[in-house]
Amino acid sequence: MGGTDPARGRILTLWVGGADGAGHLLALDVDDTGTATGSFVGDSAFMTLTGHDDPTWAGPGAERPDRDSAIDPAELTDPDLVAILGIVLPDVRIAAHIEDRGHQRIQAWGPDGTYALAVSDPDGDHPAWTWGPHDLWTRVETATAWWQTAGRPGPVDLTYTATRTRQFVTCGTTDGPQWDMPDLTVG
């Protein structure tokens, strides 16, 4: 009989976010207050849970004029970035396509009718277009810029915390940036 372990249990679950719709395996330890804390321990595309919402594009809204993207859309082919975007923008789906002429085309969409398209041209141009109630591409650019500045963390660099009233992810130390997460409860 060694020392006492404050953990009351361990939860191993699939967390499905946005971005490419892939799952992440989440390992949480539950303490005696009922707070579960842990980390993303790897990809888990082998299974999905029922009850997870799958944001689908509701159709086009009003188009905004095209503009130059503040980031190279080709960045969104990095698996760590795609995973991070799925966590910090859980309501957004992202798909990447390589076109015949070497252009990288990135599409993003959300359940509220927002849609964005950006192209990484080998010549260095990065046009972007958005449709819908808000500028979705700006959200993607902002999250990508944060990821670059933060040293390009992967999901394993994040801590997931679920209390009785809130679920959130923290990057780095407890003082690091936090994002509220959708409820894990399957109802």
C-alpha atoms as a PDB file:
ATOM      1  CA  MET A   1       0.000   0.000   0.000  1.00  0.00           C
ATOM      2  CA  GLY A   2       1.841   3.050  -1.241  1.00  0.00           C
ATOM      3  CA  GLY A   3       0.743   6.654  -1.126  1.00  0.00           C
ATOM      4  CA  THR A   4      -2.706   7.788  -2.022  1.00  0.00           C
ATOM      5  CA  ASP A   5      -3.535   8.650  -5.608  1.00  0.00           C
ATOM      6  CA  PRO A   6      -5.840  11.676  -5.891  1.00  0.00           C
ATOM      7  CA  ALA A   7      -7.213  10.417  -9.210  1.00  0.00           C
ATOM      8  CA  ARG A   8     -10.592   8.712  -8.956  1.00  0.00           C
ATOM      9  CA  GLY A   9     -10.462   7.300 -12.426  1.00  0.00           C
ATOM     10  CA  ARG A  10      -9.179   7.458 -15.952  1.00  0.00           C
ATOM     11  CA  ILE A  11     -11.191   8.309 -19.053  1.00  0.00           C
ATOM     12  CA  LEU A  12      -9.993   7.346 -22.504  1.00  0.00           C
ATOM     13  CA  THR A  13     -12.252   8.779 -25.194  1.00  0.00           C
ATOM     14  CA  LEU A  14     -12.377   9.952 -28.758  1.00  0.00           C
ATOM     15  CA  TRP A  15     -12.659  13.698 -29.277  1.00  0.00           C
ATOM     16  CA  VAL A  16     -13.833  14.677 -32.741  1.00  0.00           C
ATOM     17  CA  GLY A  17     -13.247  18.288 -33.665  1.00  0.00           C
ATOM     18  CA  GLY A  18     -13.529  20.266 -36.829  1.00  0.00           C
ATOM     19  CA  ALA A  19     -10.847  20.723 -39.473  1.00  0.00           C
ATOM     20  CA  ASP A  20     -10.560  17.407 -41.306  1.00  0.00           C
ATOM     21  CA  GLY A  21     -13.085  15.623 -39.065  1.00  0.00           C
ATOM     22  CA  ALA A  22     -10.445  13.232 -37.734  1.00  0.00           C
ATOM     23  CA  GLY A  23     -10.610  12.100 -34.149  1.00  0.00           C
ATOM     24  CA  HIS A  24      -8.084  12.571 -31.399  1.00  0.00           C
ATOM     25  CA  LEU A  25      -7.619  10.138 -28.555  1.00  0.00           C
ATOM     26  CA  LEU A  26      -8.014  11.957 -25.246  1.00  0.00           C
ATOM     27  CA  ALA A  27      -6.743  10.534 -21.933  1.00  0.00           C
ATOM     28  CA  LEU A  28      -8.131  12.227 -18.817  1.00  0.00           C
ATOM     29  CA  ASP A  29      -7.530  11.629 -15.116  1.00  0.00           C
ATOM     30  CA  VAL A  30     -10.453  12.440 -12.816  1.00  0.00           C
ATOM     31  CA  ASP A  31      -9.590  13.859  -9.409  1.00  0.00           C
ATOM     32  CA  ASP A  32     -11.659  13.711  -6.234  1.00  0.00           C
ATOM     33  CA  THR A  33     -13.442  16.989  -7.128  1.00  0.00           C
ATOM     34  CA  GLY A  34     -14.748  15.488 -10.363  1.00  0.00           C
ATOM     35  CA  THR A  35     -12.433  17.556 -12.571  1.00  0.00           C
ATOM     36  CA  ALA A  36     -10.946  15.621 -15.469  1.00  0.00           C
ATOM     37  CA  THR A  37      -7.606  16.788 -16.856  1.00  0.00           C
ATOM     38  CA  GLY A  38      -5.400  15.245 -19.486  1.00  0.00           C
ATOM     39  CA  SER A  39      -4.016  15.431 -22.952  1.00  0.00           C
ATOM     40  CA  PHE A  40      -4.510  14.415 -26.530  1.00  0.00           C
ATOM     41  CA  VAL A  41      -2.422  11.282 -26.875  1.00  0.00           C
ATOM     42  CA  GLY A  42      -2.699  10.626 -30.582  1.00  0.00           C
ATOM     43  CA  ASP A  43      -4.886  10.369 -33.628  1.00  0.00           C
ATOM     44  CA  SER A  44      -7.914   8.151 -33.528  1.00  0.00           C
ATOM     45  CA  ALA A  45      -9.498   7.994 -36.943  1.00  0.00           C
ATOM     46  CA  PHE A  46     -10.370   4.312 -36.491  1.00  0.00           C
ATOM     47  CA  MET A  47     -13.705   4.960 -34.791  1.00  0.00           C
ATOM     48  CA  THR A  48     -16.273   7.656 -34.247  1.00  0.00           C
ATOM     49  CA  LEU A  49     -18.880   8.156 -31.576  1.00  0.00           C
ATOM     50  CA  THR A  50     -22.524   8.738 -32.209  1.00  0.00           C
ATOM     51  CA  GLY A  51     -23.807  12.020 -30.948  1.00  0.00           C
ATOM     52  CA  HIS A  52     -20.979  14.162 -32.285  1.00  0.00           C
ATOM     53  CA  ASP A  53     -22.249  16.969 -34.463  1.00  0.00           C
ATOM     54  CA  ASP A  54     -20.739  17.133 -37.917  1.00  0.00           C
ATOM     55  CA  PRO A  55     -20.743  20.708 -39.152  1.00  0.00           C
ATOM     56  CA  THR A  56     -21.873  20.723 -42.723  1.00  0.00           C
ATOM     57  CA  TRP A  57     -22.062  23.661 -45.040  1.00  0.00           C
ATOM     58  CA  ALA A  58     -25.585  25.093 -45.119  1.00  0.00           C
ATOM     59  CA  GLY A  59     -25.109  26.757 -48.514  1.00  0.00           C
ATOM     60  CA  PRO A  60     -23.604  29.969 -49.805  1.00  0.00           C
ATOM     61  CA  GLY A  61     -24.274  33.343 -48.297  1.00  0.00           C
ATOM     62  CA  ALA A  62     -23.294  36.705 -49.706  1.00  0.00           C
ATOM     63  CA  GLU A  63     -19.799  36.698 -51.217  1.00  0.00           C
ATOM     64  CA  ARG A  64     -17.206  39.139 -49.946  1.00  0.00           C
ATOM     65  CA  PRO A  65     -14.665  40.537 -52.392  1.00  0.00           C
ATOM     66  CA  ASP A  66     -11.526  38.493 -52.902  1.00  0.00           C
ATOM     67  CA  ARG A  67      -8.402  39.595 -51.079  1.00  0.00           C
ATOM     68  CA  ASP A  68      -4.878  38.406 -50.424  1.00  0.00           C
ATOM     69  CA  SER A  69      -4.609  35.867 -47.635  1.00  0.00           C
ATOM     70  CA  ALA A  70      -2.434  36.921 -44.689  1.00  0.00           C
ATOM     71  CA  ILE A  71      -1.068  33.347 -44.556  1.00  0.00           C
ATOM     72  CA  ASP A  72       0.046  30.907 -47.211  1.00  0.00           C
ATOM     73  CA  PRO A  73      -2.909  28.516 -47.482  1.00  0.00           C
ATOM     74  CA  ALA A  74      -0.435  25.670 -48.097  1.00  0.00           C
ATOM     75  CA  GLU A  75       0.311  25.847 -44.334  1.00  0.00           C
ATOM     76  CA  LEU A  76      -3.004  24.053 -43.867  1.00  0.00           C
ATOM     77  CA  THR A  77      -1.497  20.835 -45.171  1.00  0.00           C
ATOM     78  CA  ASP A  78       0.555  20.491 -41.958  1.00  0.00           C
ATOM     79  CA  PRO A  79      -1.115  17.729 -39.910  1.00  0.00           C
ATOM     80  CA  ASP A  80      -0.343  19.444 -36.591  1.00  0.00           C
ATOM     81  CA  LEU A  81      -1.957  22.677 -37.779  1.00  0.00           C
ATOM     82  CA  VAL A  82      -5.012  20.867 -39.115  1.00  0.00           C
ATOM     83  CA  ALA A  83      -5.366  19.064 -35.771  1.00  0.00           C
ATOM     84  CA  ILE A  84      -4.950  22.310 -33.799  1.00  0.00           C
ATOM     85  CA  LEU A  85      -7.514  24.072 -35.993  1.00  0.00           C
ATOM     86  CA  GLY A  86      -9.913  21.196 -35.315  1.00  0.00           C
ATOM     87  CA  ILE A  87      -9.495  21.853 -31.608  1.00  0.00           C
ATOM     88  CA  VAL A  88      -9.498  25.674 -31.495  1.00  0.00           C
ATOM     89  CA  LEU A  89     -12.131  26.033 -34.260  1.00  0.00           C
ATOM     90  CA  PRO A  90     -14.285  22.950 -33.558  1.00  0.00           C
ATOM     91  CA  ASP A  91     -17.191  24.194 -35.692  1.00  0.00           C
ATOM     92  CA  VAL A  92     -15.064  24.552 -38.850  1.00  0.00           C
ATOM     93  CA  ARG A  93     -14.236  21.876 -41.426  1.00  0.00           C
ATOM     94  CA  ILE A  94     -11.209  22.223 -43.693  1.00  0.00           C
ATOM     95  CA  ALA A  95     -10.283  20.352 -46.850  1.00  0.00           C
ATOM     96  CA  ALA A  96      -7.118  20.700 -48.942  1.00  0.00           C
ATOM     97  CA  HIS A  97      -6.827  19.883 -52.636  1.00  0.00           C
ATOM     98  CA  ILE A  98      -3.865  20.051 -55.007  1.00  0.00           C
ATOM     99  CA  GLU A  99      -4.887  21.207 -58.457  1.00  0.00           C
ATOM    100  CA  ASP A 100      -3.271  20.206 -61.763  1.00  0.00           C
ATOM    101  CA  ARG A 101      -1.082  23.296 -62.006  1.00  0.00           C
ATOM    102  CA  GLY A 102       0.386  22.851 -58.508  1.00  0.00           C
ATOM    103  CA  HIS A 103      -2.017  25.226 -56.815  1.00  0.00           C
ATOM    104  CA  GLN A 104      -3.034  24.262 -53.289  1.00  0.00           C
ATOM    105  CA  ARG A 105      -6.744  24.984 -52.773  1.00  0.00           C
ATOM    106  CA  ILE A 106      -8.047  25.156 -49.201  1.00  0.00           C
ATOM    107  CA  GLN A 107     -11.757  25.158 -48.417  1.00  0.00           C
ATOM    108  CA  ALA A 108     -13.275  25.891 -45.002  1.00  0.00           C
ATOM    109  CA  TRP A 109     -16.932  25.822 -44.005  1.00  0.00           C
ATOM    110  CA  GLY A 110     -19.080  26.095 -40.910  1.00  0.00           C
ATOM    111  CA  PRO A 111     -22.628  25.131 -39.970  1.00  0.00           C
ATOM    112  CA  ASP A 112     -23.921  28.709 -40.116  1.00  0.00           C
ATOM    113  CA  GLY A 113     -23.496  29.036 -43.886  1.00  0.00           C
ATOM    114  CA  THR A 114     -19.988  30.463 -43.802  1.00  0.00           C
ATOM    115  CA  TYR A 115     -17.597  29.299 -46.475  1.00  0.00           C
ATOM    116  CA  ALA A 116     -14.057  30.285 -47.436  1.00  0.00           C
ATOM    117  CA  LEU A 117     -11.757  29.385 -50.290  1.00  0.00           C
ATOM    118  CA  ALA A 118      -8.062  30.268 -50.496  1.00  0.00           C
ATOM    119  CA  VAL A 119      -5.451  29.301 -53.066  1.00  0.00           C
ATOM    120  CA  SER A 120      -1.704  28.916 -52.615  1.00  0.00           C
ATOM    121  CA  ASP A 121      -0.243  29.736 -55.990  1.00  0.00           C
ATOM    122  CA  PRO A 122       3.338  28.560 -56.695  1.00  0.00           C
ATOM    123  CA  ASP A 123       3.990  32.130 -57.958  1.00  0.00           C
ATOM    124  CA  GLY A 124       3.388  33.479 -54.441  1.00  0.00           C
ATOM    125  CA  ASP A 125      -0.153  34.816 -54.805  1.00  0.00           C
ATOM    126  CA  HIS A 126      -2.653  33.737 -52.140  1.00  0.00           C
ATOM    127  CA  PRO A 127      -6.156  34.938 -53.063  1.00  0.00           C
ATOM    128  CA  ALA A 128      -8.981  34.251 -50.605  1.00  0.00           C
ATOM    129  CA  TRP A 129     -12.768  34.531 -50.840  1.00  0.00           C
ATOM    130  CA  THR A 130     -15.436  34.251 -48.150  1.00  0.00           C
ATOM    131  CA  TRP A 131     -19.210  33.834 -48.137  1.00  0.00           C
ATOM    132  CA  GLY A 132     -21.766  33.930 -45.368  1.00  0.00           C
ATOM    133  CA  PRO A 133     -22.528  35.839 -42.190  1.00  0.00           C
ATOM    134  CA  HIS A 134     -18.894  36.416 -41.159  1.00  0.00           C
ATOM    135  CA  ASP A 135     -15.388  36.260 -42.571  1.00  0.00           C
ATOM    136  CA  LEU A 136     -14.462  32.642 -41.881  1.00  0.00           C
ATOM    137  CA  TRP A 137     -11.047  32.927 -43.546  1.00  0.00           C
ATOM    138  CA  THR A 138     -10.042  35.623 -41.025  1.00  0.00           C
ATOM    139  CA  ARG A 139     -10.754  33.127 -38.209  1.00  0.00           C
ATOM    140  CA  VAL A 140      -8.538  30.551 -39.945  1.00  0.00           C
ATOM    141  CA  GLU A 141      -5.786  33.155 -40.543  1.00  0.00           C
ATOM    142  CA  THR A 142      -5.888  34.286 -36.894  1.00  0.00           C
ATOM    143  CA  ALA A 143      -5.666  30.731 -35.539  1.00  0.00           C
ATOM    144  CA  THR A 144      -2.864  29.869 -37.986  1.00  0.00           C
ATOM    145  CA  ALA A 145      -0.885  32.996 -37.057  1.00  0.00           C
ATOM    146  CA  TRP A 146      -1.244  32.096 -33.365  1.00  0.00           C
ATOM    147  CA  TRP A 147      -0.034  28.538 -34.117  1.00  0.00           C
ATOM    148  CA  GLN A 148       3.032  29.879 -35.968  1.00  0.00           C
ATOM    149  CA  THR A 149       3.868  32.325 -33.161  1.00  0.00           C
ATOM    150  CA  ALA A 150       3.363  29.658 -30.475  1.00  0.00           C
ATOM    151  CA  GLY A 151       6.052  27.472 -32.054  1.00  0.00           C
ATOM    152  CA  ARG A 152       3.776  25.203 -34.114  1.00  0.00           C
ATOM    153  CA  PRO A 153       2.404  23.047 -31.279  1.00  0.00           C
ATOM    154  CA  GLY A 154       0.632  19.776 -31.926  1.00  0.00           C
ATOM    155  CA  PRO A 155      -2.356  18.339 -30.080  1.00  0.00           C
ATOM    156  CA  VAL A 156      -0.045  16.582 -27.593  1.00  0.00           C
ATOM    157  CA  ASP A 157       1.090  20.053 -26.437  1.00  0.00           C
ATOM    158  CA  LEU A 158      -2.426  20.902 -25.219  1.00  0.00           C
ATOM    159  CA  THR A 159      -4.144  20.124 -21.915  1.00  0.00           C
ATOM    160  CA  TYR A 160      -7.873  19.331 -21.882  1.00  0.00           C
ATOM    161  CA  THR A 161      -9.801  20.155 -18.704  1.00  0.00           C
ATOM    162  CA  ALA A 162     -13.421  19.302 -17.958  1.00  0.00           C
ATOM    163  CA  THR A 163     -15.007  20.673 -14.791  1.00  0.00           C
ATOM    164  CA  ARG A 164     -18.620  20.439 -13.738  1.00  0.00           C
ATOM    165  CA  THR A 165     -19.330  23.759 -15.510  1.00  0.00           C
ATOM    166  CA  ARG A 166     -16.790  24.147 -18.313  1.00  0.00           C
ATOM    167  CA  GLN A 167     -14.613  22.245 -20.776  1.00  0.00           C
ATOM    168  CA  PHE A 168     -11.555  23.961 -22.214  1.00  0.00           C
ATOM    169  CA  VAL A 169      -8.142  23.402 -23.761  1.00  0.00           C
ATOM    170  CA  THR A 170      -4.985  25.189 -22.618  1.00  0.00           C
ATOM    171  CA  CYS A 171      -1.760  25.471 -24.569  1.00  0.00           C
ATOM    172  CA  GLY A 172       1.449  25.352 -22.548  1.00  0.00           C
ATOM    173  CA  THR A 173       1.226  26.403 -18.916  1.00  0.00           C
ATOM    174  CA  THR A 174      -1.993  27.021 -17.008  1.00  0.00           C
ATOM    175  CA  ASP A 175      -1.566  30.708 -17.928  1.00  0.00           C
ATOM    176  CA  GLY A 176      -1.428  29.872 -21.656  1.00  0.00           C
ATOM    177  CA  PRO A 177      -4.194  30.614 -24.128  1.00  0.00           C
ATOM    178  CA  GLN A 178      -7.471  28.766 -23.547  1.00  0.00           C
ATOM    179  CA  TRP A 179     -10.341  27.771 -25.815  1.00  0.00           C
ATOM    180  CA  ASP A 180     -13.758  26.609 -24.671  1.00  0.00           C
ATOM    181  CA  MET A 181     -14.678  23.201 -26.059  1.00  0.00           C
ATOM    182  CA  PRO A 182     -17.983  21.636 -27.011  1.00  0.00           C
ATOM    183  CA  ASP A 183     -19.490  19.402 -24.355  1.00  0.00           C
ATOM    184  CA  LEU A 184     -18.206  15.801 -24.460  1.00  0.00           C
ATOM    185  CA  THR A 185     -21.501  14.552 -23.095  1.00  0.00           C
ATOM    186  CA  VAL A 186     -23.262  12.278 -25.554  1.00  0.00           C
ATOM    187  CA  GLY A 187     -27.003  12.545 -25.078  1.00  0.00           C
END
